[in-house]
Protein backbone atom coordinates (compact mmCIF):
# COMPACT_ATOMS: atom_id res chain seq x y z
CA MET A 1 263.71 97.86 69.70
CA GLU A 2 260.50 98.61 71.75
CA PRO A 3 258.06 101.21 70.35
CA LEU A 4 258.75 103.73 73.19
CA GLU A 5 262.58 103.50 72.63
CA LEU A 6 261.98 104.00 68.98
CA ALA A 7 259.84 107.10 69.67
CA GLU A 8 262.38 108.53 72.12
CA ARG A 9 265.16 108.05 69.68
CA TYR A 10 263.11 109.76 66.94
CA VAL A 11 262.26 112.73 69.13
CA ASP A 12 265.89 113.04 70.14
CA LYS A 13 267.14 112.92 66.47
CA ILE A 14 264.62 115.65 65.39
CA PHE A 15 264.54 118.01 68.45
CA GLY A 16 267.45 117.15 70.63
CA SER A 17 270.54 116.55 68.51
CA LYS A 18 268.93 117.72 65.25
CA ASP A 19 270.61 114.77 63.48
CA LEU A 20 268.39 114.16 60.49
CA ASP A 21 270.97 111.90 58.90
CA GLY A 22 270.77 109.64 62.05
CA LEU A 23 267.24 108.93 61.27
CA GLU A 24 268.39 106.44 58.69
CA ALA A 25 269.58 104.20 61.54
CA ILE A 26 266.14 104.04 63.17
CA LEU A 27 263.64 104.23 60.38
CA ASP A 28 262.94 101.25 58.12
CA PRO A 29 264.01 102.04 54.54
CA GLY A 30 260.66 100.97 53.29
CA VAL A 31 258.55 102.97 55.63
CA ARG A 32 255.58 104.59 53.88
CA TYR A 33 253.53 107.52 55.15
CA SER A 34 250.38 109.11 53.63
CA GLY A 35 248.52 111.89 55.34
CA PRO A 36 246.44 114.90 54.61
CA MET A 37 249.47 117.12 53.77
CA PHE A 38 252.34 114.83 52.89
CA ALA A 39 253.05 111.41 51.39
CA PHE A 40 256.30 109.53 51.52
CA ALA A 41 257.24 106.26 49.85
CA SER A 42 260.50 105.66 51.78
CA ALA A 43 262.52 106.72 54.73
CA ALA A 44 264.86 108.57 52.27
CA ASP A 45 261.99 110.58 50.95
CA TYR A 46 260.89 111.49 54.47
CA ILE A 47 264.39 112.52 55.56
CA SER A 48 264.95 114.49 52.35
CA SER A 49 261.66 116.34 52.98
CA LEU A 50 262.85 117.30 56.45
CA LYS A 51 266.22 118.49 55.17
CA GLU A 52 264.37 120.68 52.58
CA SER A 53 261.75 122.03 54.84
CA PRO A 54 262.79 121.33 58.54
CA PRO A 55 260.27 121.68 61.41
CA ASP A 56 259.87 125.18 62.92
CA GLY A 57 262.76 126.01 65.42
CA PHE A 58 265.13 123.58 63.86
C-alpha cells in the first residue's frame, strides 16, 4: 500500500465511516508512537485509546 492510500484509508476510518475497529486492518500491530501528550506501544493500544476518548465530533 502506498503512503497516500494508507493516509486516505486512515482518515476515512476515523472521520468518514467512524470505523475504529477497521483500523486494525491498516495499522501494523507493532506500530509505536510517542509524542508530547500520548504514547502507544501497539496498534491495539492506540485503537483502545481512541475508543475510550474519541476525537471531537466523533
